[in-house]
Amino acid sequence: MQAVGIRRGLTIDPAGEEEPAAERVGRLVRESPVVIFARRGCYMAHVMKRLLAAVGAHATVIELDAGAPEELAAAAEAGHGAVPALFVGGAPVGGLEGLMGLHLSGRLVPRLREVGALIGA
């Protein structure tokens, strides 16, 4: 698992300890207000990150290796069954479709503001 856009305090493997994949996903979601779990090179995750940046939010992107099926399964299960999986304030939003639904309904920016994810807000 590789983290991109790491925020202060975000740790992949605390103290070098081996952590079950489901616990690691849960901890990473709690440590950052906006998290995207995706496969490396996923174009949908790129679009999600760009949309979030356009509204003033910085997302922590966790790239999952295809060779780590337990991590992919844990992230998919936590995020409504698929990757990319977006979490805002610890709550699953879904994938690109869920993010677009929030944005088009006008609920994305208020939700990001509520969890303190907007830059300069």
PDB file of N, CA and C in Angstrom:
ATOM      1  N   MET A   1       0.850  -1.165   0.000  1.00  0.00           N
ATOM      2  CA  MET A   1       0.000   0.000   0.000  1.00  0.00           C
ATOM      3  C   MET A   1       0.892   1.223   0.000  1.00  0.00           C
ATOM      4  N   GLN A   2       0.595   2.193  -0.854  1.00  0.00           N
ATOM      5  CA  GLN A   2       1.380   3.403  -0.943  1.00  0.00           C
ATOM      6  C   GLN A   2       0.442   4.575  -0.728  1.00  0.00           C
ATOM      7  N   ALA A   3       0.867   5.550   0.053  1.00  0.00           N
ATOM      8  CA  ALA A   3       0.048   6.727   0.302  1.00  0.00           C
ATOM      9  C   ALA A   3       0.585   7.892  -0.507  1.00  0.00           C
ATOM     10  N   VAL A   4      -0.318   8.626  -1.116  1.00  0.00           N
ATOM     11  CA  VAL A   4       0.034   9.811  -1.863  1.00  0.00           C
ATOM     12  C   VAL A   4      -0.718  10.962  -1.216  1.00  0.00           C
ATOM     13  N   GLY A   5      -0.072  12.092  -1.032  1.00  0.00           N
ATOM     14  CA  GLY A   5      -0.735  13.229  -0.398  1.00  0.00           C
ATOM     15  C   GLY A   5      -0.936  12.991   1.085  1.00  0.00           C
ATOM     16  N   ILE A   6       0.095  12.528   1.757  1.00  0.00           N
ATOM     17  CA  ILE A   6      -0.012  12.168   3.165  1.00  0.00           C
ATOM     18  C   ILE A   6      -0.156  13.413   4.019  1.00  0.00           C
ATOM     19  N   ARG A   7      -1.106  13.392   4.938  1.00  0.00           N
ATOM     20  CA  ARG A   7      -1.288  14.454   5.916  1.00  0.00           C
ATOM     21  C   ARG A   7      -0.491  14.112   7.161  1.00  0.00           C
ATOM     22  N   ARG A   8      -0.162  15.122   7.936  1.00  0.00           N
ATOM     23  CA  ARG A   8       0.556  14.901   9.187  1.00  0.00           C
ATOM     24  C   ARG A   8      -0.247  13.947  10.063  1.00  0.00           C
ATOM     25  N   GLY A   9       0.432  12.957  10.617  1.00  0.00           N
ATOM     26  CA  GLY A   9      -0.214  12.003  11.501  1.00  0.00           C
ATOM     27  C   GLY A   9      -0.732  10.757  10.807  1.00  0.00           C
ATOM     28  N   LEU A  10      -0.743  10.742   9.499  1.00  0.00           N
ATOM     29  CA  LEU A  10      -1.224   9.577   8.761  1.00  0.00           C
ATOM     30  C   LEU A  10      -0.102   8.556   8.696  1.00  0.00           C
ATOM     31  N   THR A  11      -0.362   7.352   9.172  1.00  0.00           N
ATOM     32  CA  THR A  11       0.661   6.320   9.157  1.00  0.00           C
ATOM     33  C   THR A  11       0.130   5.096   8.438  1.00  0.00           C
ATOM     34  N   ILE A  12       0.954   4.528   7.594  1.00  0.00           N
ATOM     35  CA  ILE A  12       0.556   3.332   6.867  1.00  0.00           C
ATOM     36  C   ILE A  12       0.674   2.121   7.783  1.00  0.00           C
ATOM     37  N   ASP A  13       1.822   1.938   8.401  1.00  0.00           N
ATOM     38  CA  ASP A  13       2.051   0.829   9.326  1.00  0.00           C
ATOM     39  C   ASP A  13       2.638   1.393  10.614  1.00  0.00           C
ATOM     40  N   PRO A  14       1.816   1.600  11.651  1.00  0.00           N
ATOM     41  CA  PRO A  14       2.321   2.191  12.886  1.00  0.00           C
ATOM     42  C   PRO A  14       3.370   1.308  13.541  1.00  0.00           C
ATOM     43  N   ALA A  15       4.495   1.911  13.902  1.00  0.00           N
ATOM     44  CA  ALA A  15       5.588   1.241  14.606  1.00  0.00           C
ATOM     45  C   ALA A  15       6.058  -0.022  13.876  1.00  0.00           C
ATOM     46  N   GLY A  16       5.866  -0.072  12.563  1.00  0.00           N
ATOM     47  CA  GLY A  16       6.317  -1.218  11.788  1.00  0.00           C
ATOM     48  C   GLY A  16       5.556  -2.499  12.076  1.00  0.00           C
ATOM     49  N   GLU A  17       4.438  -2.390  12.783  1.00  0.00           N
ATOM     50  CA  GLU A  17       3.656  -3.575  13.136  1.00  0.00           C
ATOM     51  C   GLU A  17       2.795  -4.015  11.959  1.00  0.00           C
ATOM     52  N   GLU A  18       2.569  -5.301  11.869  1.00  0.00           N
ATOM     53  CA  GLU A  18       1.678  -5.843  10.845  1.00  0.00           C
ATOM     54  C   GLU A  18       0.251  -5.644  11.340  1.00  0.00           C
ATOM     55  N   GLU A  19      -0.588  -5.047  10.520  1.00  0.00           N
ATOM     56  CA  GLU A  19      -1.953  -4.702  10.899  1.00  0.00           C
ATOM     57  C   GLU A  19      -2.903  -5.352   9.900  1.00  0.00           C
ATOM     58  N   PRO A  20      -3.977  -5.990  10.371  1.00  0.00           N
ATOM     59  CA  PRO A  20      -4.938  -6.571   9.423  1.00  0.00           C
ATOM     60  C   PRO A  20      -5.474  -5.503   8.461  1.00  0.00           C
ATOM     61  N   ALA A  21      -5.726  -5.900   7.228  1.00  0.00           N
ATOM     62  CA  ALA A  21      -6.132  -4.955   6.184  1.00  0.00           C
ATOM     63  C   ALA A  21      -7.379  -4.168   6.565  1.00  0.00           C
ATOM     64  N   ALA A  22      -8.393  -4.815   7.122  1.00  0.00           N
ATOM     65  CA  ALA A  22      -9.630  -4.114   7.474  1.00  0.00           C
ATOM     66  C   ALA A  22      -9.378  -3.065   8.546  1.00  0.00           C
ATOM     67  N   GLU A  23      -8.545  -3.378   9.519  1.00  0.00           N
ATOM     68  CA  GLU A  23      -8.217  -2.403  10.568  1.00  0.00           C
ATOM     69  C   GLU A  23      -7.427  -1.239   9.991  1.00  0.00           C
ATOM     70  N   ARG A  24      -6.494  -1.522   9.074  1.00  0.00           N
ATOM     71  CA  ARG A  24      -5.687  -0.476   8.449  1.00  0.00           C
ATOM     72  C   ARG A  24      -6.579   0.482   7.657  1.00  0.00           C
ATOM     73  N   VAL A  25      -7.506  -0.061   6.892  1.00  0.00           N
ATOM     74  CA  VAL A  25      -8.418   0.786   6.110  1.00  0.00           C
ATOM     75  C   VAL A  25      -9.230   1.673   7.057  1.00  0.00           C
ATOM     76  N   GLY A  26      -9.784   1.084   8.109  1.00  0.00           N
ATOM     77  CA  GLY A  26     -10.566   1.863   9.070  1.00  0.00           C
ATOM     78  C   GLY A  26      -9.753   2.964   9.719  1.00  0.00           C
ATOM     79  N   ARG A  27      -8.529   2.661  10.092  1.00  0.00           N
ATOM     80  CA  ARG A  27      -7.665   3.661  10.734  1.00  0.00           C
ATOM     81  C   ARG A  27      -7.322   4.782   9.769  1.00  0.00           C
ATOM     82  N   LEU A  28      -6.990   4.459   8.524  1.00  0.00           N
ATOM     83  CA  LEU A  28      -6.653   5.478   7.532  1.00  0.00           C
ATOM     84  C   LEU A  28      -7.840   6.392   7.252  1.00  0.00           C
ATOM     85  N   VAL A  29      -9.036   5.835   7.239  1.00  0.00           N
ATOM     86  CA  VAL A  29     -10.245   6.626   7.013  1.00  0.00           C
ATOM     87  C   VAL A  29     -10.471   7.596   8.176  1.00  0.00           C
ATOM     88  N   ARG A  30     -10.176   7.150   9.385  1.00  0.00           N
ATOM     89  CA  ARG A  30     -10.355   8.016  10.566  1.00  0.00           C
ATOM     90  C   ARG A  30      -9.294   9.111  10.660  1.00  0.00           C
ATOM     91  N   GLU A  31      -8.115   8.892  10.087  1.00  0.00           N
ATOM     92  CA  GLU A  31      -6.999   9.825  10.234  1.00  0.00           C
ATOM     93  C   GLU A  31      -7.048  11.016   9.281  1.00  0.00           C
ATOM     94  N   SER A  32      -7.860  10.979   8.262  1.00  0.00           N
ATOM     95  CA  SER A  32      -7.902  12.051   7.276  1.00  0.00           C
ATOM     96  C   SER A  32      -9.350  12.357   6.904  1.00  0.00           C
ATOM     97  N   PRO A  33      -9.691  13.642   6.733  1.00  0.00           N
ATOM     98  CA  PRO A  33     -11.089  13.976   6.424  1.00  0.00           C
ATOM     99  C   PRO A  33     -11.581  13.495   5.062  1.00  0.00           C
ATOM    100  N   VAL A  34     -10.689  13.393   4.075  1.00  0.00           N
ATOM    101  CA  VAL A  34     -11.075  12.939   2.737  1.00  0.00           C
ATOM    102  C   VAL A  34     -10.052  11.914   2.264  1.00  0.00           C
ATOM    103  N   VAL A  35     -10.513  10.689   2.027  1.00  0.00           N
ATOM    104  CA  VAL A  35      -9.618   9.601   1.618  1.00  0.00           C
ATOM    105  C   VAL A  35     -10.194   8.903   0.397  1.00  0.00           C
ATOM    106  N   ILE A  36      -9.328   8.627  -0.567  1.00  0.00           N
ATOM    107  CA  ILE A  36      -9.693   7.829  -1.740  1.00  0.00           C
ATOM    108  C   ILE A  36      -8.803   6.596  -1.757  1.00  0.00           C
ATOM    109  N   PHE A  37      -9.406   5.422  -1.794  1.00  0.00           N
ATOM    110  CA  PHE A  37      -8.675   4.175  -1.999  1.00  0.00           C
ATOM    111  C   PHE A  37      -8.860   3.792  -3.456  1.00  0.00           C
ATOM    112  N   ALA A  38      -7.763   3.530  -4.161  1.00  0.00           N
ATOM    113  CA  ALA A  38      -7.863   3.209  -5.583  1.00  0.00           C
ATOM    114  C   ALA A  38      -6.712   2.316  -6.009  1.00  0.00           C
ATOM    115  N   ARG A  39      -6.903   1.661  -7.132  1.00  0.00           N
ATOM    116  CA  ARG A  39      -5.801   0.922  -7.747  1.00  0.00           C
ATOM    117  C   ARG A  39      -4.839   1.929  -8.365  1.00  0.00           C
ATOM    118  N   ARG A  40      -3.596   1.577  -8.417  1.00  0.00           N
ATOM    119  CA  ARG A  40      -2.581   2.441  -9.018  1.00  0.00           C
ATOM    120  C   ARG A  40      -2.961   2.729 -10.465  1.00  0.00           C
ATOM    121  N   GLY A  41      -2.931   4.012 -10.846  1.00  0.00           N
ATOM    122  CA  GLY A  41      -3.220   4.413 -12.217  1.00  0.00           C
ATOM    123  C   GLY A  41      -4.695   4.503 -12.562  1.00  0.00           C
ATOM    124  N   CYS A  42      -5.576   4.454 -11.576  1.00  0.00           N
ATOM    125  CA  CYS A  42      -7.023   4.489 -11.823  1.00  0.00           C
ATOM    126  C   CYS A  42      -7.454   5.875 -12.303  1.00  0.00           C
ATOM    127  N   TYR A  43      -8.016   5.946 -13.503  1.00  0.00           N
ATOM    128  CA  TYR A  43      -8.435   7.235 -14.051  1.00  0.00           C
ATOM    129  C   TYR A  43      -9.611   7.825 -13.279  1.00  0.00           C
ATOM    130  N   MET A  44     -10.490   6.985 -12.733  1.00  0.00           N
ATOM    131  CA  MET A  44     -11.623   7.510 -11.972  1.00  0.00           C
ATOM    132  C   MET A  44     -11.142   8.192 -10.694  1.00  0.00           C
ATOM    133  N   ALA A  45     -10.136   7.627 -10.045  1.00  0.00           N
ATOM    134  CA  ALA A  45      -9.566   8.257  -8.849  1.00  0.00           C
ATOM    135  C   ALA A  45      -8.932   9.594  -9.210  1.00  0.00           C
ATOM    136  N   HIS A  46      -8.312   9.664 -10.384  1.00  0.00           N
ATOM    137  CA  HIS A  46      -7.720  10.922 -10.841  1.00  0.00           C
ATOM    138  C   HIS A  46      -8.805  11.988 -11.023  1.00  0.00           C
ATOM    139  N   VAL A  47      -9.916  11.614 -11.625  1.00  0.00           N
ATOM    140  CA  VAL A  47     -11.029  12.545 -11.819  1.00  0.00           C
ATOM    141  C   VAL A  47     -11.591  12.983 -10.465  1.00  0.00           C
ATOM    142  N   MET A  48     -11.721  12.035  -9.531  1.00  0.00           N
ATOM    143  CA  MET A  48     -12.229  12.357  -8.196  1.00  0.00           C
ATOM    144  C   MET A  48     -11.305  13.362  -7.503  1.00  0.00           C
ATOM    145  N   LYS A  49     -10.016  13.116  -7.581  1.00  0.00           N
ATOM    146  CA  LYS A  49      -9.043  14.011  -6.945  1.00  0.00           C
ATOM    147  C   LYS A  49      -9.109  15.405  -7.570  1.00  0.00           C
ATOM    148  N   ARG A  50      -9.239  15.471  -8.892  1.00  0.00           N
ATOM    149  CA  ARG A  50      -9.319  16.771  -9.581  1.00  0.00           C
ATOM    150  C   ARG A  50     -10.580  17.537  -9.200  1.00  0.00           C
ATOM    151  N   LEU A  51     -11.712  16.849  -9.107  1.00  0.00           N
ATOM    152  CA  LEU A  51     -12.955  17.515  -8.708  1.00  0.00           C
ATOM    153  C   LEU A  51     -12.840  18.048  -7.280  1.00  0.00           C
ATOM    154  N   LEU A  52     -12.310  17.232  -6.381  1.00  0.00           N
ATOM    155  CA  LEU A  52     -12.142  17.676  -4.997  1.00  0.00           C
ATOM    156  C   LEU A  52     -11.206  18.877  -4.920  1.00  0.00           C
ATOM    157  N   ALA A  53     -10.127  18.858  -5.688  1.00  0.00           N
ATOM    158  CA  ALA A  53      -9.185  19.983  -5.703  1.00  0.00           C
ATOM    159  C   ALA A  53      -9.858  21.237  -6.259  1.00  0.00           C
ATOM    160  N   ALA A  54     -10.721  21.073  -7.249  1.00  0.00           N
ATOM    161  CA  ALA A  54     -11.406  22.217  -7.866  1.00  0.00           C
ATOM    162  C   ALA A  54     -12.326  22.929  -6.879  1.00  0.00           C
ATOM    163  N   VAL A  55     -12.869  22.188  -5.910  1.00  0.00           N
ATOM    164  CA  VAL A  55     -13.741  22.824  -4.913  1.00  0.00           C
ATOM    165  C   VAL A  55     -12.967  23.216  -3.660  1.00  0.00           C
ATOM    166  N   GLY A  56     -11.641  22.966  -3.657  1.00  0.00           N
ATOM    167  CA  GLY A  56     -10.798  23.418  -2.559  1.00  0.00           C
ATOM    168  C   GLY A  56     -10.490  22.389  -1.493  1.00  0.00           C
ATOM    169  N   ALA A  57     -10.625  21.107  -1.805  1.00  0.00           N
ATOM    170  CA  ALA A  57     -10.335  20.054  -0.823  1.00  0.00           C
ATOM    171  C   ALA A  57      -9.128  19.243  -1.279  1.00  0.00           C
ATOM    172  N   HIS A  58      -8.320  18.857  -0.319  1.00  0.00           N
ATOM    173  CA  HIS A  58      -7.169  18.002  -0.600  1.00  0.00           C
ATOM    174  C   HIS A  58      -7.514  16.592  -0.150  1.00  0.00           C
ATOM    175  N   ALA A  59      -7.494  15.655  -1.064  1.00  0.00           N
ATOM    176  CA  ALA A  59      -7.795  14.256  -0.732  1.00  0.00           C
ATOM    177  C   ALA A  59      -6.505  13.483  -0.515  1.00  0.00           C
ATOM    178  N   THR A  60      -6.515  12.612   0.469  1.00  0.00           N
ATOM    179  CA  THR A  60      -5.430  11.659   0.647  1.00  0.00           C
ATOM    180  C   THR A  60      -5.766  10.459  -0.224  1.00  0.00           C
ATOM    181  N   VAL A  61      -4.878  10.121  -1.140  1.00  0.00           N
ATOM    182  CA  VAL A  61      -5.110   9.012  -2.053  1.00  0.00           C
ATOM    183  C   VAL A  61      -4.225   7.845  -1.624  1.00  0.00           C
ATOM    184  N   ILE A  62      -4.852   6.712  -1.347  1.00  0.00           N
ATOM    185  CA  ILE A  62      -4.139   5.501  -0.985  1.00  0.00           C
ATOM    186  C   ILE A  62      -4.194   4.577  -2.202  1.00  0.00           C
ATOM    187  N   GLU A  63      -3.037   4.357  -2.815  1.00  0.00           N
ATOM    188  CA  GLU A  63      -2.972   3.489  -3.986  1.00  0.00           C
ATOM    189  C   GLU A  63      -2.732   2.058  -3.529  1.00  0.00           C
ATOM    190  N   LEU A  64      -3.608   1.176  -3.963  1.00  0.00           N
ATOM    191  CA  LEU A  64      -3.532  -0.230  -3.581  1.00  0.00           C
ATOM    192  C   LEU A  64      -2.923  -1.035  -4.713  1.00  0.00           C
ATOM    193  N   ASP A  65      -2.024  -1.926  -4.366  1.00  0.00           N
ATOM    194  CA  ASP A  65      -1.399  -2.788  -5.364  1.00  0.00           C
ATOM    195  C   ASP A  65      -2.342  -3.926  -5.724  1.00  0.00           C
ATOM    196  N   ALA A  66      -2.334  -4.295  -6.989  1.00  0.00           N
ATOM    197  CA  ALA A  66      -3.155  -5.428  -7.437  1.00  0.00           C
ATOM    198  C   ALA A  66      -2.705  -6.722  -6.772  1.00  0.00           C
ATOM    199  N   GLY A  67      -1.451  -6.769  -6.320  1.00  0.00           N
ATOM    200  CA  GLY A  67      -0.916  -7.958  -5.666  1.00  0.00           C
ATOM    201  C   GLY A  67      -1.290  -8.073  -4.199  1.00  0.00           C
ATOM    202  N   ALA A  68      -2.133  -7.165  -3.706  1.00  0.00           N
ATOM    203  CA  ALA A  68      -2.560  -7.194  -2.303  1.00  0.00           C
ATOM    204  C   ALA A  68      -4.077  -7.345  -2.251  1.00  0.00           C
ATOM    205  N   PRO A  69      -4.598  -8.532  -2.560  1.00  0.00           N
ATOM    206  CA  PRO A  69      -6.041  -8.713  -2.659  1.00  0.00           C
ATOM    207  C   PRO A  69      -6.787  -8.446  -1.352  1.00  0.00           C
ATOM    208  N   GLU A  70      -6.159  -8.701  -0.194  1.00  0.00           N
ATOM    209  CA  GLU A  70      -6.847  -8.453   1.076  1.00  0.00           C
ATOM    210  C   GLU A  70      -7.068  -6.959   1.302  1.00  0.00           C
ATOM    211  N   GLU A  71      -6.128  -6.113   0.870  1.00  0.00           N
ATOM    212  CA  GLU A  71      -6.296  -4.664   1.005  1.00  0.00           C
ATOM    213  C   GLU A  71      -7.358  -4.155   0.036  1.00  0.00           C
ATOM    214  N   LEU A  72      -7.347  -4.651  -1.194  1.00  0.00           N
ATOM    215  CA  LEU A  72      -8.380  -4.260  -2.156  1.00  0.00           C
ATOM    216  C   LEU A  72      -9.758  -4.655  -1.658  1.00  0.00           C
ATOM    217  N   ALA A  73      -9.871  -5.869  -1.128  1.00  0.00           N
ATOM    218  CA  ALA A  73     -11.159  -6.349  -0.630  1.00  0.00           C
ATOM    219  C   ALA A  73     -11.630  -5.534   0.563  1.00  0.00           C
ATOM    220  N   ALA A  74     -10.725  -5.201   1.482  1.00  0.00           N
ATOM    221  CA  ALA A  74     -11.101  -4.426   2.669  1.00  0.00           C
ATOM    222  C   ALA A  74     -11.560  -3.023   2.283  1.00  0.00           C
ATOM    223  N   ALA A  75     -10.846  -2.367   1.355  1.00  0.00           N
ATOM    224  CA  ALA A  75     -11.230  -1.026   0.915  1.00  0.00           C
ATOM    225  C   ALA A  75     -12.555  -1.061   0.167  1.00  0.00           C
ATOM    226  N   ALA A  76     -12.744  -2.073  -0.684  1.00  0.00           N
ATOM    227  CA  ALA A  76     -13.986  -2.194  -1.447  1.00  0.00           C
ATOM    228  C   ALA A  76     -15.163  -2.444  -0.518  1.00  0.00           C
ATOM    229  N   GLU A  77     -14.972  -3.317   0.468  1.00  0.00           N
ATOM    230  CA  GLU A  77     -16.055  -3.622   1.409  1.00  0.00           C
ATOM    231  C   GLU A  77     -16.447  -2.391   2.225  1.00  0.00           C
ATOM    232  N   ALA A  78     -15.469  -1.635   2.669  1.00  0.00           N
ATOM    233  CA  ALA A  78     -15.754  -0.436   3.456  1.00  0.00           C
ATOM    234  C   ALA A  78     -16.412   0.652   2.609  1.00  0.00           C
ATOM    235  N   GLY A  79     -16.123   0.664   1.309  1.00  0.00           N
ATOM    236  CA  GLY A  79     -16.616   1.728   0.434  1.00  0.00           C
ATOM    237  C   GLY A  79     -17.728   1.316  -0.494  1.00  0.00           C
ATOM    238  N   HIS A  80     -18.689   0.546  -0.047  1.00  0.00           N
ATOM    239  CA  HIS A  80     -19.855   0.135  -0.838  1.00  0.00           C
ATOM    240  C   HIS A  80     -19.514  -0.824  -1.968  1.00  0.00           C
ATOM    241  N   GLY A  81     -18.483  -1.640  -1.793  1.00  0.00           N
ATOM    242  CA  GLY A  81     -18.248  -2.748  -2.700  1.00  0.00           C
ATOM    243  C   GLY A  81     -17.340  -2.559  -3.883  1.00  0.00           C
ATOM    244  N   ALA A  82     -16.720  -1.401  -4.055  1.00  0.00           N
ATOM    245  CA  ALA A  82     -15.851  -1.221  -5.214  1.00  0.00           C
ATOM    246  C   ALA A  82     -14.743  -0.224  -4.907  1.00  0.00           C
ATOM    247  N   VAL A  83     -13.700  -0.291  -5.698  1.00  0.00           N
ATOM    248  CA  VAL A  83     -12.663   0.730  -5.673  1.00  0.00           C
ATOM    249  C   VAL A  83     -12.649   1.373  -7.050  1.00  0.00           C
ATOM    250  N   PRO A  84     -12.495   2.681  -7.164  1.00  0.00           N
ATOM    251  CA  PRO A  84     -12.117   3.591  -6.108  1.00  0.00           C
ATOM    252  C   PRO A  84     -13.241   3.793  -5.095  1.00  0.00           C
ATOM    253  N   ALA A  85     -12.829   4.013  -3.856  1.00  0.00           N
ATOM    254  CA  ALA A  85     -13.777   4.229  -2.765  1.00  0.00           C
ATOM    255  C   ALA A  85     -13.419   5.540  -2.076  1.00  0.00           C
ATOM    256  N   LEU A  86     -14.390   6.437  -1.974  1.00  0.00           N
ATOM    257  CA  LEU A  86     -14.195   7.747  -1.356  1.00  0.00           C
ATOM    258  C   LEU A  86     -14.855   7.768   0.012  1.00  0.00           C
ATOM    259  N   PHE A  87     -14.139   8.332   0.979  1.00  0.00           N
ATOM    260  CA  PHE A  87     -14.661   8.532   2.326  1.00  0.00           C
ATOM    261  C   PHE A  87     -14.517  10.003   2.675  1.00  0.00           C
ATOM    262  N   VAL A  88     -15.585  10.600   3.169  1.00  0.00           N
ATOM    263  CA  VAL A  88     -15.557  11.995   3.612  1.00  0.00           C
ATOM    264  C   VAL A  88     -15.990  12.011   5.068  1.00  0.00           C
ATOM    265  N   GLY A  89     -15.107  12.481   5.919  1.00  0.00           N
ATOM    266  CA  GLY A  89     -15.408  12.513   7.344  1.00  0.00           C
ATOM    267  C   GLY A  89     -15.638  11.136   7.933  1.00  0.00           C
ATOM    268  N   GLY A  90     -14.980  10.135   7.385  1.00  0.00           N
ATOM    269  CA  GLY A  90     -15.115   8.763   7.872  1.00  0.00           C
ATOM    270  C   GLY A  90     -16.294   8.004   7.309  1.00  0.00           C
ATOM    271  N   ALA A  91     -17.161   8.671   6.570  1.00  0.00           N
ATOM    272  CA  ALA A  91     -18.350   8.024   6.007  1.00  0.00           C
ATOM    273  C   ALA A  91     -18.113   7.682   4.537  1.00  0.00           C
ATOM    274  N   PRO A  92     -18.526   6.488   4.118  1.00  0.00           N
ATOM    275  CA  PRO A  92     -18.346   6.123   2.710  1.00  0.00           C
ATOM    276  C   PRO A  92     -19.277   6.917   1.803  1.00  0.00           C
ATOM    277  N   VAL A  93     -18.716   7.424   0.713  1.00  0.00           N
ATOM    278  CA  VAL A  93     -19.490   8.164  -0.287  1.00  0.00           C
ATOM    279  C   VAL A  93     -19.756   7.270  -1.481  1.00  0.00           C
ATOM    280  N   GLY A  94     -18.851   6.347  -1.737  1.00  0.00           N
ATOM    281  CA  GLY A  94     -18.937   5.475  -2.905  1.00  0.00           C
ATOM    282  C   GLY A  94     -17.793   5.789  -3.835  1.00  0.00           C
ATOM    283  N   GLY A  95     -18.027   5.634  -5.110  1.00  0.00           N
ATOM    284  CA  GLY A  95     -17.002   5.915  -6.107  1.00  0.00           C
ATOM    285  C   GLY A  95     -17.239   7.249  -6.783  1.00  0.00           C
ATOM    286  N   LEU A  96     -16.845   7.327  -8.034  1.00  0.00           N
ATOM    287  CA  LEU A  96     -17.000   8.562  -8.797  1.00  0.00           C
ATOM    288  C   LEU A  96     -18.466   8.959  -8.909  1.00  0.00           C
ATOM    289  N   GLU A  97     -19.340   7.987  -9.097  1.00  0.00           N
ATOM    290  CA  GLU A  97     -20.769   8.278  -9.212  1.00  0.00           C
ATOM    291  C   GLU A  97     -21.315   8.917  -7.921  1.00  0.00           C
ATOM    292  N   GLY A  98     -20.901   8.397  -6.777  1.00  0.00           N
ATOM    293  CA  GLY A  98     -21.330   8.962  -5.499  1.00  0.00           C
ATOM    294  C   GLY A  98     -20.827  10.381  -5.307  1.00  0.00           C
ATOM    295  N   LEU A  99     -19.565  10.617  -5.688  1.00  0.00           N
ATOM    296  CA  LEU A  99     -18.991  11.963  -5.582  1.00  0.00           C
ATOM    297  C   LEU A  99     -19.723  12.932  -6.499  1.00  0.00           C
ATOM    298  N   MET A 100     -19.975  12.516  -7.735  1.00  0.00           N
ATOM    299  CA  MET A 100     -20.690  13.383  -8.680  1.00  0.00           C
ATOM    300  C   MET A 100     -22.111  13.670  -8.197  1.00  0.00           C
ATOM    301  N   GLY A 101     -22.761  12.667  -7.617  1.00  0.00           N
ATOM    302  CA  GLY A 101     -24.103  12.874  -7.069  1.00  0.00           C
ATOM    303  C   GLY A 101     -24.110  13.922  -5.971  1.00  0.00           C
ATOM    304  N   LEU A 102     -23.131  13.844  -5.066  1.00  0.00           N
ATOM    305  CA  LEU A 102     -23.023  14.850  -4.002  1.00  0.00           C
ATOM    306  C   LEU A 102     -22.781  16.236  -4.590  1.00  0.00           C
ATOM    307  N   HIS A 103     -21.884  16.302  -5.569  1.00  0.00           N
ATOM    308  CA  HIS A 103     -21.539  17.589  -6.167  1.00  0.00           C
ATOM    309  C   HIS A 103     -22.727  18.202  -6.915  1.00  0.00           C
ATOM    310  N   LEU A 104     -23.379  17.418  -7.737  1.00  0.00           N
ATOM    311  CA  LEU A 104     -24.494  17.945  -8.528  1.00  0.00           C
ATOM    312  C   LEU A 104     -25.702  18.318  -7.672  1.00  0.00           C
ATOM    313  N   SER A 105     -25.841  17.673  -6.512  1.00  0.00           N
ATOM    314  CA  SER A 105     -26.954  18.000  -5.621  1.00  0.00           C
ATOM    315  C   SER A 105     -26.645  19.199  -4.731  1.00  0.00           C
ATOM    316  N   GLY A 106     -25.403  19.691  -4.794  1.00  0.00           N
ATOM    317  CA  GLY A 106     -25.021  20.843  -3.980  1.00  0.00           C
ATOM    318  C   GLY A 106     -24.653  20.483  -2.552  1.00  0.00           C
ATOM    319  N   ARG A 107     -24.484  19.188  -2.259  1.00  0.00           N
ATOM    320  CA  ARG A 107     -24.169  18.773  -0.892  1.00  0.00           C
ATOM    321  C   ARG A 107     -22.686  18.509  -0.654  1.00  0.00           C
ATOM    322  N   LEU A 108     -21.858  18.553  -1.703  1.00  0.00           N
ATOM    323  CA  LEU A 108     -20.443  18.235  -1.539  1.00  0.00           C
ATOM    324  C   LEU A 108     -19.703  19.292  -0.729  1.00  0.00           C
ATOM    325  N   VAL A 109     -19.763  20.538  -1.137  1.00  0.00           N
ATOM    326  CA  VAL A 109     -19.014  21.591  -0.448  1.00  0.00           C
ATOM    327  C   VAL A 109     -19.462  21.736   1.010  1.00  0.00           C
ATOM    328  N   PRO A 110     -20.776  21.747   1.312  1.00  0.00           N
ATOM    329  CA  PRO A 110     -21.160  21.809   2.730  1.00  0.00           C
ATOM    330  C   PRO A 110     -20.634  20.628   3.540  1.00  0.00           C
ATOM    331  N   ARG A 111     -20.615  19.449   2.943  1.00  0.00           N
ATOM    332  CA  ARG A 111     -20.103  18.266   3.653  1.00  0.00           C
ATOM    333  C   ARG A 111     -18.606  18.394   3.900  1.00  0.00           C
ATOM    334  N   LEU A 112     -17.873  18.859   2.902  1.00  0.00           N
ATOM    335  CA  LEU A 112     -16.432  19.061   3.057  1.00  0.00           C
ATOM    336  C   LEU A 112     -16.146  20.131   4.107  1.00  0.00           C
ATOM    337  N   ARG A 113     -16.930  21.184   4.102  1.00  0.00           N
ATOM    338  CA  ARG A 113     -16.773  22.251   5.109  1.00  0.00           C
ATOM    339  C   ARG A 113     -17.043  21.688   6.507  1.00  0.00           C
ATOM    340  N   GLU A 114     -18.074  20.875   6.626  1.00  0.00           N
ATOM    341  CA  GLU A 114     -18.454  20.273   7.906  1.00  0.00           C
ATOM    342  C   GLU A 114     -17.334  19.437   8.523  1.00  0.00           C
ATOM    343  N   VAL A 115     -16.581  18.708   7.687  1.00  0.00           N
ATOM    344  CA  VAL A 115     -15.507  17.853   8.205  1.00  0.00           C
ATOM    345  C   VAL A 115     -14.153  18.553   8.211  1.00  0.00           C
ATOM    346  N   GLY A 116     -14.126  19.832   7.849  1.00  0.00           N
ATOM    347  CA  GLY A 116     -12.884  20.606   7.879  1.00  0.00           C
ATOM    348  C   GLY A 116     -11.913  20.263   6.777  1.00  0.00           C
ATOM    349  N   ALA A 117     -12.432  19.885   5.615  1.00  0.00           N
ATOM    350  CA  ALA A 117     -11.572  19.451   4.520  1.00  0.00           C
ATOM    351  C   ALA A 117     -11.306  20.519   3.478  1.00  0.00           C
ATOM    352  N   LEU A 118     -11.937  21.675   3.590  1.00  0.00           N
ATOM    353  CA  LEU A 118     -11.724  22.715   2.594  1.00  0.00           C
ATOM    354  C   LEU A 118     -10.501  23.542   2.942  1.00  0.00           C
ATOM    355  N   ILE A 119      -9.660  23.775   1.961  1.00  0.00           N
ATOM    356  CA  ILE A 119      -8.457  24.563   2.150  1.00  0.00           C
ATOM    357  C   ILE A 119      -8.852  26.031   2.245  1.00  0.00           C
ATOM    358  N   GLY A 120      -8.433  26.677   3.319  1.00  0.00           N
ATOM    359  CA  GLY A 120      -8.730  28.091   3.507  1.00  0.00           C
ATOM    360  C   GLY A 120     -10.142  28.394   3.958  1.00  0.00           C
ATOM    361  N   ALA A 121     -10.868  27.371   4.426  1.00  0.00           N
ATOM    362  CA  ALA A 121     -12.252  27.629   4.874  1.00  0.00           C
ATOM    363  C   ALA A 121     -12.362  27.519   6.375  1.00  0.00           C
TER     364      ALA A 121
END
